[in-house]
N, C-alpha and C. Protein backbone atom coordinates (compact mmCIF):
# COMPACT_ATOMS: atom_id res chain seq x y z
N MET A 1 0.59 -1.37 -0.08
CA MET A 1 0.12 -0.34 -0.49
C MET A 1 0.78 1.32 0.39
N GLU A 2 0.17 1.81 -0.83
CA GLU A 2 0.76 3.29 -0.93
C GLU A 2 0.94 4.15 0.30
N LYS A 3 1.89 5.03 0.72
CA LYS A 3 1.47 5.88 2.04
C LYS A 3 0.66 6.61 1.58
N GLU A 4 -0.03 7.14 2.32
CA GLU A 4 -0.68 8.88 2.48
C GLU A 4 0.07 9.89 2.43
N ASN A 5 0.05 10.86 1.51
CA ASN A 5 0.96 11.75 1.07
C ASN A 5 -0.22 12.99 1.74
N ARG A 6 0.47 13.22 2.92
CA ARG A 6 -0.27 14.19 3.55
C ARG A 6 0.71 15.63 3.59
N LYS A 7 -0.36 16.78 3.11
CA LYS A 7 -0.09 17.88 2.74
C LYS A 7 0.02 19.01 3.93
N PHE A 8 1.08 20.13 4.54
CA PHE A 8 0.70 20.80 5.30
C PHE A 8 0.40 21.81 4.65
N LYS A 9 -0.80 22.86 5.46
CA LYS A 9 -0.64 23.90 4.81
C LYS A 9 -0.90 24.81 6.25
N ILE A 10 -0.53 25.94 5.96
CA ILE A 10 -0.28 27.35 6.68
C ILE A 10 -2.19 27.26 7.09
N THR A 11 -2.73 27.96 8.19
CA THR A 11 -3.80 28.10 8.84
C THR A 11 -4.02 29.24 9.28
N PHE A 12 -4.81 29.89 8.91
CA PHE A 12 -5.24 30.93 9.79
C PHE A 12 -6.14 31.10 11.20
N ASN A 13 -5.49 30.69 11.62
CA ASN A 13 -6.19 29.80 13.15
C ASN A 13 -6.83 30.97 13.58
N SER A 14 -6.27 32.17 13.94
CA SER A 14 -6.55 33.05 14.85
C SER A 14 -6.85 34.44 14.40
N PRO A 15 -8.09 34.66 13.44
CA PRO A 15 -8.18 36.07 13.10
C PRO A 15 -7.96 37.45 13.92
N VAL A 16 -7.93 37.36 14.88
CA VAL A 16 -8.04 38.84 15.89
C VAL A 16 -6.47 38.53 16.37
N THR A 17 -6.28 37.59 17.32
CA THR A 17 -4.56 37.88 17.32
C THR A 17 -3.88 38.51 15.86
N LEU A 18 -3.72 37.39 14.55
CA LEU A 18 -2.96 37.85 14.06
C LEU A 18 -3.73 39.26 12.70
N SER A 19 -4.60 39.31 13.09
CA SER A 19 -5.36 41.01 12.45
C SER A 19 -4.35 41.88 13.51
N PHE A 20 -4.67 41.75 14.60
CA PHE A 20 -4.30 42.29 15.73
C PHE A 20 -2.30 43.01 15.72
N THR A 21 -1.70 42.00 15.93
CA THR A 21 -0.02 41.32 15.48
C THR A 21 0.10 42.44 13.81
N ALA A 22 -0.59 42.07 12.81
CA ALA A 22 -0.39 42.90 12.02
C ALA A 22 -0.53 44.29 11.34
N ILE A 23 -1.76 44.60 11.92
CA ILE A 23 -2.49 46.14 12.72
C ILE A 23 -0.87 46.57 13.12
N CYS A 24 -0.71 46.47 14.31
CA CYS A 24 0.76 46.76 14.88
C CYS A 24 1.87 46.86 14.25
N PHE A 25 2.11 45.84 13.11
CA PHE A 25 2.96 45.82 12.45
C PHE A 25 3.21 47.45 11.27
N VAL A 26 1.99 47.51 10.86
CA VAL A 26 2.08 48.32 10.18
C VAL A 26 1.69 50.02 10.65
N VAL A 27 1.41 49.68 11.69
CA VAL A 27 1.92 51.19 12.72
C VAL A 27 2.83 51.53 12.82
N MET A 28 3.56 50.29 12.91
CA MET A 28 5.61 50.42 13.15
C MET A 28 6.14 51.25 12.24
N ILE A 29 5.58 49.98 11.20
CA ILE A 29 5.79 50.94 9.69
C ILE A 29 5.74 52.13 9.37
N LEU A 30 4.80 52.89 9.92
CA LEU A 30 3.99 53.84 9.50
C LEU A 30 4.59 55.24 10.27
N ASN A 31 4.93 54.62 11.43
CA ASN A 31 5.66 55.32 12.96
C ASN A 31 7.20 55.85 11.99
N TYR A 32 7.59 54.99 11.63
CA TYR A 32 9.12 55.00 10.97
C TYR A 32 9.34 55.58 9.52
N ILE A 33 8.11 55.71 8.88
CA ILE A 33 8.30 56.57 7.65
C ILE A 33 7.59 57.92 7.68
N THR A 34 6.95 58.35 9.15
CA THR A 34 6.31 59.64 9.09
C THR A 34 7.18 60.00 10.23
N ALA A 35 8.19 59.44 10.20
CA ALA A 35 9.10 60.23 11.62
C ALA A 35 8.20 60.06 12.87
N GLY A 36 7.33 59.16 13.44
CA GLY A 36 6.83 59.75 14.60
C GLY A 36 5.89 60.49 13.98
N ALA A 37 4.99 61.11 13.38
CA ALA A 37 3.91 61.58 13.36
C ALA A 37 2.76 61.04 13.42
N SER A 38 2.99 59.82 12.74
CA SER A 38 1.00 59.07 13.20
C SER A 38 1.16 58.79 14.43
N ASN A 39 2.28 58.04 14.84
CA ASN A 39 1.84 58.32 16.38
C ASN A 39 1.61 58.76 16.91
N ARG A 40 1.92 60.09 17.26
CA ARG A 40 1.20 61.09 17.63
C ARG A 40 0.23 61.80 17.56
N LEU A 41 -0.33 61.43 16.19
CA LEU A 41 -1.61 62.14 15.58
C LEU A 41 -2.72 60.92 15.90
N PHE A 42 -2.13 59.17 15.98
CA PHE A 42 -3.29 57.98 15.80
C PHE A 42 -2.94 57.18 17.10
N PHE A 43 -1.68 56.72 17.51
CA PHE A 43 -1.37 56.05 18.30
C PHE A 43 -0.51 55.92 20.10
N ILE A 44 -0.99 57.47 20.26
CA ILE A 44 -0.60 57.87 21.45
C ILE A 44 -1.61 58.13 22.22
N THR A 45 -1.63 58.50 22.99
CA THR A 45 -2.63 58.98 24.04
C THR A 45 -2.36 59.77 25.22
N TYR A 46 -2.77 60.74 25.20
CA TYR A 46 -1.92 61.79 26.09
C TYR A 46 -3.19 62.63 26.33
N HIS A 47 -2.75 64.03 27.82
CA HIS A 47 -4.08 64.62 27.66
C HIS A 47 -4.60 65.42 26.27
N SER A 48 -4.76 65.80 25.69
CA SER A 48 -4.82 66.58 24.32
C SER A 48 -6.55 67.18 24.80
N SER A 49 -6.86 67.90 23.77
CA SER A 49 -8.27 68.41 23.85
C SER A 49 -9.31 67.51 23.81
N LEU A 50 -10.24 67.81 25.04
CA LEU A 50 -11.89 67.28 24.14
C LEU A 50 -12.57 67.51 23.23
N SER A 51 -12.24 68.08 22.75
CA SER A 51 -13.08 68.74 21.24
C SER A 51 -12.37 68.44 20.02
N SER A 52 -11.13 68.23 20.14
CA SER A 52 -11.01 67.15 19.38
C SER A 52 -11.37 65.53 19.31
N GLY A 53 -11.79 65.00 17.76
CA GLY A 53 -12.41 63.70 17.80
C GLY A 53 -10.74 62.86 17.77
N PHE A 54 -10.00 63.23 17.52
CA PHE A 54 -8.84 62.36 17.75
C PHE A 54 -8.68 61.95 19.02
N THR A 55 -8.74 62.58 20.14
CA THR A 55 -8.63 62.26 21.45
C THR A 55 -9.16 61.47 21.82
N TYR A 56 -10.31 61.06 21.19
CA TYR A 56 -11.55 59.63 21.81
C TYR A 56 -11.21 58.71 20.95
N ILE A 57 -10.68 58.88 19.81
CA ILE A 57 -10.26 57.49 18.86
C ILE A 57 -8.90 56.91 19.69
N ARG A 58 -8.00 58.08 20.15
CA ARG A 58 -6.56 57.65 20.73
C ARG A 58 -7.11 56.74 21.91
N PHE A 59 -7.90 57.45 22.32
CA PHE A 59 -8.44 56.03 24.07
C PHE A 59 -8.57 54.67 23.55
N PHE A 60 -8.32 54.22 22.27
CA PHE A 60 -8.40 52.92 21.57
C PHE A 60 -7.33 52.49 21.11
N THR A 61 -7.21 53.53 20.22
CA THR A 61 -5.82 52.91 18.93
C THR A 61 -4.47 53.24 19.82
N HIS A 62 -4.21 53.84 20.79
CA HIS A 62 -2.78 53.32 21.76
C HIS A 62 -2.80 52.21 21.75
N VAL A 63 -3.70 51.46 22.04
CA VAL A 63 -2.42 49.91 21.89
C VAL A 63 -1.94 49.69 20.74
N LEU A 64 -1.72 49.91 19.71
CA LEU A 64 -1.71 49.60 18.58
C LEU A 64 -0.23 50.39 17.72
N GLY A 65 0.13 51.87 18.80
CA GLY A 65 1.61 52.09 18.52
C GLY A 65 2.82 51.54 19.85
N HIS A 66 3.98 51.65 19.19
CA HIS A 66 4.80 51.25 20.37
C HIS A 66 5.63 52.08 19.76
N SER A 67 7.23 52.40 20.80
CA SER A 67 7.66 53.08 20.78
C SER A 67 8.79 52.69 19.94
N GLY A 68 9.24 51.30 19.65
CA GLY A 68 10.27 50.65 19.33
C GLY A 68 10.28 49.62 18.57
N TRP A 69 11.02 48.67 17.82
CA TRP A 69 11.35 47.48 17.25
C TRP A 69 11.42 46.82 18.91
N GLN A 70 12.16 46.73 19.85
CA GLN A 70 11.75 46.36 20.87
C GLN A 70 10.54 46.11 21.52
N HIS A 71 10.16 47.53 21.64
CA HIS A 71 8.88 47.56 22.65
C HIS A 71 7.92 46.61 21.64
N PHE A 72 7.96 46.60 20.72
CA PHE A 72 6.96 45.76 19.47
C PHE A 72 7.21 44.44 19.55
N ILE A 73 8.20 43.78 19.57
CA ILE A 73 8.73 42.24 19.37
C ILE A 73 8.10 41.77 20.81
N GLY A 74 8.67 42.30 21.38
CA GLY A 74 8.39 42.09 23.42
C GLY A 74 6.73 42.00 23.54
N ASN A 75 5.75 42.81 23.36
CA ASN A 75 4.27 42.44 23.63
C ASN A 75 3.86 41.42 22.06
N MET A 76 4.57 41.74 20.80
CA MET A 76 3.54 40.98 20.32
C MET A 76 4.13 38.70 20.30
N SER A 77 5.40 39.05 21.24
CA SER A 77 5.83 37.37 21.53
C SER A 77 4.75 36.85 22.40
N TYR A 78 4.25 37.83 23.08
CA TYR A 78 3.41 37.56 24.32
C TYR A 78 1.81 37.29 23.45
N ILE A 79 1.59 38.36 22.76
CA ILE A 79 -0.30 38.18 21.92
C ILE A 79 0.13 36.55 21.41
N LEU A 80 1.08 36.85 20.54
CA LEU A 80 0.78 35.87 19.66
C LEU A 80 1.01 34.30 20.30
N LEU A 81 1.68 34.53 21.68
CA LEU A 81 1.66 32.83 22.51
C LEU A 81 0.24 32.55 23.32
N LEU A 82 -0.40 33.74 23.39
CA LEU A 82 -2.01 34.00 24.23
C LEU A 82 -2.57 34.16 23.54
N GLY A 83 -2.80 35.08 22.91
CA GLY A 83 -4.18 34.77 22.33
C GLY A 83 -4.73 33.85 20.86
N PRO A 84 -3.96 33.14 20.64
CA PRO A 84 -4.74 31.67 19.77
C PRO A 84 -5.25 30.88 21.04
N LEU A 85 -4.41 30.65 21.99
CA LEU A 85 -5.19 29.74 23.07
C LEU A 85 -6.53 30.34 23.63
N LEU A 86 -6.71 32.11 23.56
CA LEU A 86 -7.46 32.34 24.44
C LEU A 86 -8.53 32.54 23.44
N GLU A 87 -8.53 32.93 22.26
CA GLU A 87 -9.41 33.01 21.15
C GLU A 87 -10.32 31.87 20.94
N GLU A 88 -9.20 30.54 20.73
CA GLU A 88 -9.92 29.13 20.75
C GLU A 88 -11.13 28.90 21.94
N LYS A 89 -10.58 29.07 22.88
CA LYS A 89 -11.38 29.07 24.33
C LYS A 89 -12.92 30.03 24.68
N HIS A 90 -12.16 31.05 24.07
CA HIS A 90 -13.39 31.46 24.14
C HIS A 90 -14.29 32.78 23.03
N GLY A 91 -13.61 32.13 21.77
CA GLY A 91 -14.10 32.95 20.71
C GLY A 91 -13.57 34.45 20.39
N SER A 92 -13.52 34.33 19.22
CA SER A 92 -12.73 35.70 18.75
C SER A 92 -13.80 37.04 19.26
N LYS A 93 -14.74 37.12 18.96
CA LYS A 93 -15.61 38.59 19.44
C LYS A 93 -14.95 38.66 21.24
N LYS A 94 -15.18 37.54 22.09
CA LYS A 94 -14.99 38.27 23.52
C LYS A 94 -13.69 38.60 22.93
N ILE A 95 -12.27 38.03 22.63
CA ILE A 95 -11.28 38.46 22.59
C ILE A 95 -10.65 40.13 21.64
N VAL A 96 -11.90 40.70 21.08
CA VAL A 96 -12.15 42.03 20.86
C VAL A 96 -12.39 42.75 21.83
N ILE A 97 -13.68 42.20 22.54
CA ILE A 97 -14.07 42.85 23.31
C ILE A 97 -12.87 43.21 24.61
N VAL A 98 -11.87 42.34 24.90
CA VAL A 98 -10.76 42.31 25.76
C VAL A 98 -9.76 43.62 25.66
N ILE A 99 -9.65 43.14 24.16
CA ILE A 99 -8.78 44.28 23.71
C ILE A 99 -9.16 46.07 23.61
N CYS A 100 -10.29 45.96 23.61
CA CYS A 100 -10.82 47.15 23.43
C CYS A 100 -11.59 47.89 24.88
N VAL A 101 -11.80 46.72 25.84
CA VAL A 101 -12.04 47.43 26.93
C VAL A 101 -10.81 47.53 27.70
N THR A 102 -10.23 47.31 27.65
CA THR A 102 -8.19 47.09 28.04
C THR A 102 -7.90 48.70 27.60
N ALA A 103 -7.97 48.70 26.09
CA ALA A 103 -7.23 49.59 25.75
C ALA A 103 -8.12 50.81 26.07
N PHE A 104 -9.74 51.13 26.38
CA PHE A 104 -10.23 52.30 26.98
C PHE A 104 -9.94 52.65 27.94
N VAL A 105 -10.07 51.85 29.13
CA VAL A 105 -10.04 51.63 30.47
C VAL A 105 -8.49 52.33 30.71
N THR A 106 -7.74 52.08 30.05
CA THR A 106 -6.26 52.44 30.15
C THR A 106 -6.21 53.80 30.02
N GLY A 107 -6.87 53.84 28.70
CA GLY A 107 -6.41 55.21 27.75
C GLY A 107 -6.98 56.34 28.51
N ILE A 108 -8.62 56.41 29.25
CA ILE A 108 -9.16 56.81 30.01
C ILE A 108 -8.62 57.31 31.77
N ILE A 109 -7.89 56.50 32.34
CA ILE A 109 -7.17 56.62 33.09
C ILE A 109 -6.02 57.38 33.24
N ASN A 110 -5.24 57.12 31.74
CA ASN A 110 -4.25 58.18 31.86
C ASN A 110 -4.46 59.57 31.63
N TYR A 111 -5.36 59.52 30.76
CA TYR A 111 -5.80 60.88 30.67
C TYR A 111 -5.88 61.76 31.99
N ILE A 112 -6.82 60.84 32.23
CA ILE A 112 -7.75 61.42 33.97
C ILE A 112 -6.25 62.01 35.19
N PHE A 113 -5.65 60.63 35.33
CA PHE A 113 -4.57 60.98 36.44
C PHE A 113 -3.23 61.31 35.78
N PHE A 114 -2.91 60.81 34.47
CA PHE A 114 -1.14 61.32 34.48
C PHE A 114 -1.30 62.04 33.10
N TRP A 115 -1.51 63.62 33.22
CA TRP A 115 -1.75 64.55 32.25
C TRP A 115 -0.39 64.73 32.00
N LYS A 116 1.00 64.16 31.66
CA LYS A 116 2.32 64.36 31.51
C LYS A 116 2.68 63.43 30.95
N ILE A 117 1.93 62.47 30.55
CA ILE A 117 2.24 61.27 30.44
C ILE A 117 1.85 60.56 29.32
N ALA A 118 2.48 60.33 28.21
CA ALA A 118 1.70 59.80 26.59
C ALA A 118 1.87 58.25 26.44
N LEU A 119 1.13 57.35 26.33
CA LEU A 119 0.60 56.39 26.84
C LEU A 119 0.62 55.38 25.22
N CYS A 120 1.78 54.47 24.90
CA CYS A 120 1.23 53.85 23.99
C CYS A 120 1.51 52.52 24.14
N GLY A 121 0.83 51.35 23.01
CA GLY A 121 1.60 49.52 22.95
C GLY A 121 0.56 48.67 23.64
N ALA A 122 0.74 47.48 23.14
CA ALA A 122 -0.06 46.62 23.86
C ALA A 122 -0.01 45.78 25.11
N SER A 123 1.51 46.42 26.01
CA SER A 123 1.32 45.93 27.11
C SER A 123 0.22 45.60 28.14
N GLY A 124 -0.94 46.97 28.28
CA GLY A 124 -1.82 46.57 28.74
C GLY A 124 -2.76 45.19 28.21
N VAL A 125 -2.72 45.25 27.31
CA VAL A 125 -3.16 43.71 26.71
C VAL A 125 -2.89 42.84 26.98
N VAL A 126 -1.10 42.60 27.12
CA VAL A 126 -0.53 41.59 27.14
C VAL A 126 -1.19 41.07 28.47
N PHE A 127 -1.15 41.74 29.66
CA PHE A 127 -1.49 41.79 30.69
C PHE A 127 -2.59 41.38 31.02
N ALA A 128 -3.88 41.36 30.54
CA ALA A 128 -5.10 41.27 30.56
C ALA A 128 -5.27 40.01 30.04
N PHE A 129 -4.36 39.58 28.94
CA PHE A 129 -4.37 37.74 28.13
C PHE A 129 -3.74 36.89 29.60
N ILE A 130 -2.67 37.44 30.12
CA ILE A 130 -1.68 36.62 31.45
C ILE A 130 -2.96 36.68 32.32
N LEU A 131 -3.06 37.35 32.63
CA LEU A 131 -4.32 36.90 34.17
C LEU A 131 -5.65 36.28 33.28
N LEU A 132 -6.23 36.59 32.09
CA LEU A 132 -7.21 36.01 31.25
C LEU A 132 -7.28 34.32 31.29
N ALA A 133 -5.39 34.44 30.65
CA ALA A 133 -5.41 33.02 30.53
C ALA A 133 -4.85 31.90 31.99
N SER A 134 -4.68 32.45 33.17
CA SER A 134 -4.76 31.81 34.15
C SER A 134 -6.21 31.25 34.80
N PHE A 135 -7.12 31.46 34.15
CA PHE A 135 -8.46 31.36 34.77
C PHE A 135 -8.98 30.64 34.04
N THR A 136 -7.97 29.58 33.15
CA THR A 136 -8.30 28.54 32.16
C THR A 136 -8.92 27.46 32.78
N ASN A 137 -8.44 27.01 34.21
CA ASN A 137 -9.19 26.22 35.19
C ASN A 137 -10.25 26.22 36.29
N PHE A 138 -10.62 27.61 36.27
CA PHE A 138 -11.62 28.29 37.19
C PHE A 138 -12.65 27.65 37.35
N LYS A 139 -13.31 26.70 38.14
CA LYS A 139 -14.01 26.23 39.08
C LYS A 139 -15.19 27.49 39.89
N GLU A 140 -16.04 27.07 39.71
CA GLU A 140 -17.60 27.79 40.20
C GLU A 140 -16.98 27.68 42.10
N GLY A 141 -16.90 29.17 42.99
CA GLY A 141 -16.70 28.60 44.22
C GLY A 141 -15.14 28.24 44.69
N GLU A 142 -14.49 28.38 43.42
CA GLU A 142 -12.87 28.22 44.06
C GLU A 142 -11.77 29.37 43.11
N LEU A 143 -10.93 29.63 43.58
CA LEU A 143 -9.69 30.81 43.50
C LEU A 143 -8.81 30.12 43.04
N PRO A 144 -8.34 29.80 41.66
CA PRO A 144 -7.24 28.65 41.32
C PRO A 144 -5.87 29.59 42.11
N LEU A 145 -4.92 28.68 42.32
CA LEU A 145 -3.64 29.34 43.27
C LEU A 145 -2.95 29.77 42.20
N THR A 146 -2.92 29.10 41.06
CA THR A 146 -2.03 30.52 39.83
C THR A 146 -2.62 31.43 39.37
N VAL A 147 -3.48 32.04 39.45
CA VAL A 147 -4.57 33.26 39.91
C VAL A 147 -3.37 33.83 40.58
N ILE A 148 -3.53 33.54 41.65
CA ILE A 148 -2.94 34.06 43.07
C ILE A 148 -1.63 34.71 42.46
N LEU A 149 -0.93 33.44 42.33
CA LEU A 149 0.28 33.44 41.88
C LEU A 149 0.71 34.57 40.61
N VAL A 150 -0.05 34.23 39.50
CA VAL A 150 0.54 35.48 38.70
C VAL A 150 -0.16 36.40 38.82
N ALA A 151 -0.75 37.05 39.84
CA ALA A 151 -1.08 38.56 40.30
C ALA A 151 -0.09 38.84 41.05
N VAL A 152 0.17 38.22 42.43
CA VAL A 152 1.53 38.42 43.05
C VAL A 152 2.64 38.85 42.29
N ILE A 153 2.81 38.07 41.45
CA ILE A 153 3.99 37.82 40.74
C ILE A 153 4.26 39.36 39.73
N PHE A 154 3.31 39.04 38.71
CA PHE A 154 3.23 40.35 38.07
C PHE A 154 2.83 41.33 38.09
N ILE A 155 1.58 41.43 38.79
CA ILE A 155 0.98 42.91 39.39
C ILE A 155 1.74 43.68 40.71
N GLY A 156 2.30 42.81 41.33
CA GLY A 156 3.32 43.07 42.75
C GLY A 156 4.72 43.55 41.73
N GLN A 157 5.09 42.71 40.98
CA GLN A 157 6.44 43.56 40.08
C GLN A 157 6.06 45.06 39.74
N GLN A 158 5.10 44.96 39.36
CA GLN A 158 4.30 46.31 38.50
C GLN A 158 4.29 47.35 39.86
N VAL A 159 3.79 47.08 40.88
CA VAL A 159 3.76 47.60 42.19
C VAL A 159 5.14 48.62 41.89
N TYR A 160 5.74 47.96 42.67
CA TYR A 160 7.12 47.41 43.11
C TYR A 160 8.16 48.73 42.04
N GLU A 161 7.76 48.43 40.35
CA GLU A 161 9.19 48.99 39.52
C GLU A 161 7.97 50.80 39.85
N GLY A 162 6.50 50.60 39.59
CA GLY A 162 6.30 52.08 39.77
C GLY A 162 6.46 52.98 40.49
N ILE A 163 7.11 52.31 41.30
CA ILE A 163 6.98 52.81 43.18
C ILE A 163 8.65 53.23 43.22
N PHE A 164 9.90 52.23 42.97
CA PHE A 164 10.91 52.33 43.27
C PHE A 164 12.01 52.44 41.51
N VAL A 165 11.85 52.02 40.42
CA VAL A 165 11.89 52.14 39.40
C VAL A 165 12.01 53.54 38.44
N GLN A 166 12.63 54.14 38.05
CA GLN A 166 12.30 55.24 36.97
C GLN A 166 12.91 54.69 35.60
N ASP A 167 11.33 54.48 34.97
CA ASP A 167 11.73 54.29 33.45
C ASP A 167 10.61 54.67 32.63
N ASN A 168 10.76 54.16 31.77
CA ASN A 168 9.66 54.87 30.41
C ASN A 168 8.43 54.08 30.29
N ILE A 169 8.75 52.70 31.42
CA ILE A 169 7.14 51.98 30.96
C ILE A 169 6.05 52.35 32.03
N SER A 170 5.04 52.05 31.14
CA SER A 170 3.66 52.55 31.99
C SER A 170 3.87 51.20 32.90
N ASN A 171 3.51 51.20 34.60
CA ASN A 171 3.25 49.81 35.18
C ASN A 171 1.88 49.98 34.99
N MET A 172 0.77 51.47 35.24
CA MET A 172 -0.30 51.53 35.45
C MET A 172 -0.70 50.71 34.13
N ALA A 173 -0.23 50.78 32.78
CA ALA A 173 -1.24 50.19 31.64
C ALA A 173 -0.66 48.93 32.36
N HIS A 174 -0.10 47.81 32.79
CA HIS A 174 -0.23 46.61 33.04
C HIS A 174 -0.77 46.45 34.33
N ILE A 175 -0.88 47.24 35.49
CA ILE A 175 -1.84 46.93 36.42
C ILE A 175 -3.19 47.24 36.15
N ILE A 176 -3.42 47.58 34.93
CA ILE A 176 -5.08 48.05 34.83
C ILE A 176 -5.70 46.89 34.25
N GLY A 177 -4.50 46.53 33.24
CA GLY A 177 -4.45 45.25 31.51
C GLY A 177 -4.63 44.12 32.93
N GLY A 178 -4.03 43.93 34.02
CA GLY A 178 -4.26 42.63 34.80
C GLY A 178 -5.70 42.32 35.26
N ILE A 179 -6.04 43.53 35.85
CA ILE A 179 -7.63 43.91 36.57
C ILE A 179 -8.67 43.63 35.80
N VAL A 180 -8.60 44.26 34.38
CA VAL A 180 -9.19 44.12 33.54
C VAL A 180 -9.33 42.70 32.85
N GLY A 181 -8.32 42.00 32.79
CA GLY A 181 -8.16 40.17 32.46
C GLY A 181 -8.29 39.56 33.83
N THR A 182 -8.83 40.16 34.70
CA THR A 182 -8.73 38.98 36.04
C THR A 182 -10.54 38.85 35.69
N VAL A 183 -10.98 40.17 36.06
CA VAL A 183 -12.50 40.41 35.63
C VAL A 183 -12.74 39.71 34.82
N ILE A 184 -12.66 40.06 33.58
CA ILE A 184 -13.37 39.44 32.20
C ILE A 184 -12.79 38.22 32.74
N GLY A 185 -12.10 37.48 32.90
CA GLY A 185 -11.55 35.91 32.96
C GLY A 185 -12.70 35.40 34.26
N TYR A 186 -12.93 35.79 35.06
CA TYR A 186 -13.57 35.84 35.65
C TYR A 186 -14.79 35.08 35.38
N ASN A 187 -15.55 36.21 34.83
CA ASN A 187 -16.96 36.43 34.37
C ASN A 187 -16.86 35.48 33.21
N LEU A 188 -15.76 35.22 32.18
CA LEU A 188 -15.93 34.56 31.29
C LEU A 188 -16.54 32.98 31.73
N ASN A 189 -15.29 33.01 32.55
CA ASN A 189 -15.20 31.30 33.08
C ASN A 189 -16.51 31.10 33.72
N LYS A 190 -17.39 31.96 34.80
CA LYS A 190 -17.84 31.85 35.57
C LYS A 190 -19.38 31.29 34.57
N LYS A 191 -19.89 32.18 33.51
CA LYS A 191 -20.69 31.78 32.11
C LYS A 191 -20.55 30.74 31.72
N ASP A 192 -19.32 30.50 31.37
CA ASP A 192 -19.04 29.35 30.67
C ASP A 192 -19.28 28.21 31.41
N ARG A 193 -18.82 27.77 32.47
CA ARG A 193 -19.17 26.73 33.87
C ARG A 193 -20.70 26.71 34.36
N GLN A 194 -21.11 27.70 34.18
CA GLN A 194 -22.73 27.57 34.04
C GLN A 194 -23.76 26.99 32.98
N LEU A 195 -23.28 27.55 31.48
CA LEU A 195 -23.49 26.91 30.30
C LEU A 195 -23.72 25.55 30.45
N ASP A 196 -22.40 24.81 30.89
CA ASP A 196 -21.89 23.95 31.03
C ASP A 196 -23.01 22.67 31.78
N TYR A 197 -23.15 23.49 33.02
CA TYR A 197 -24.18 22.80 34.00
C TYR A 197 -25.43 22.92 33.31
N ASN A 198 -26.03 23.24 32.96
CA ASN A 198 -27.11 23.93 32.28
C ASN A 198 -27.30 22.51 31.27
N LYS A 199 -26.37 22.61 30.73
CA LYS A 199 -26.36 21.65 29.17
C LYS A 199 -26.54 20.31 29.80
N SER A 200 -25.32 19.70 31.19
CA SER A 200 -25.45 18.44 32.03
C SER A 200 -27.00 17.79 32.08
């Protein structure tokens, strides 16, 4: 018998994750072509006038812009690692919601409380994904030890660095992203468990 020839093909397995990564890449290219002008106009949120429509757009689009290739590669590595797993578990629409909610909440908080800080990058989304992923084995009435450890290690580190380390990293976005991921992760998995229970 002849062996069956199996052909391998590349599949577009996670549309939201891959599209988000591709858009961020295009934004990075535009940033270099325009010498930073595109980021300043569309992909960095800061305390600009509320009479400008761009202010409201940037509340969401700031997660697409990055300060440089190292910043971009670091964030996209996590997005591409965690995104497909979360998208398969929760569905593409819910991952879009996670990204949009994280972007909006971090953008609003940065606007209100950090007037002199310009914010860009998907770090908040990364931390939302990390905390969301830690709820994978969540059961009603239980708090997974992995969630506690992730919260202590990642959120604790951001609080420490925010107080004692002076750098250009927005620890606020990381912390808020983690909180958003925790809240959404808890609610999504709670609903999933209830659906499974109703089906049985």
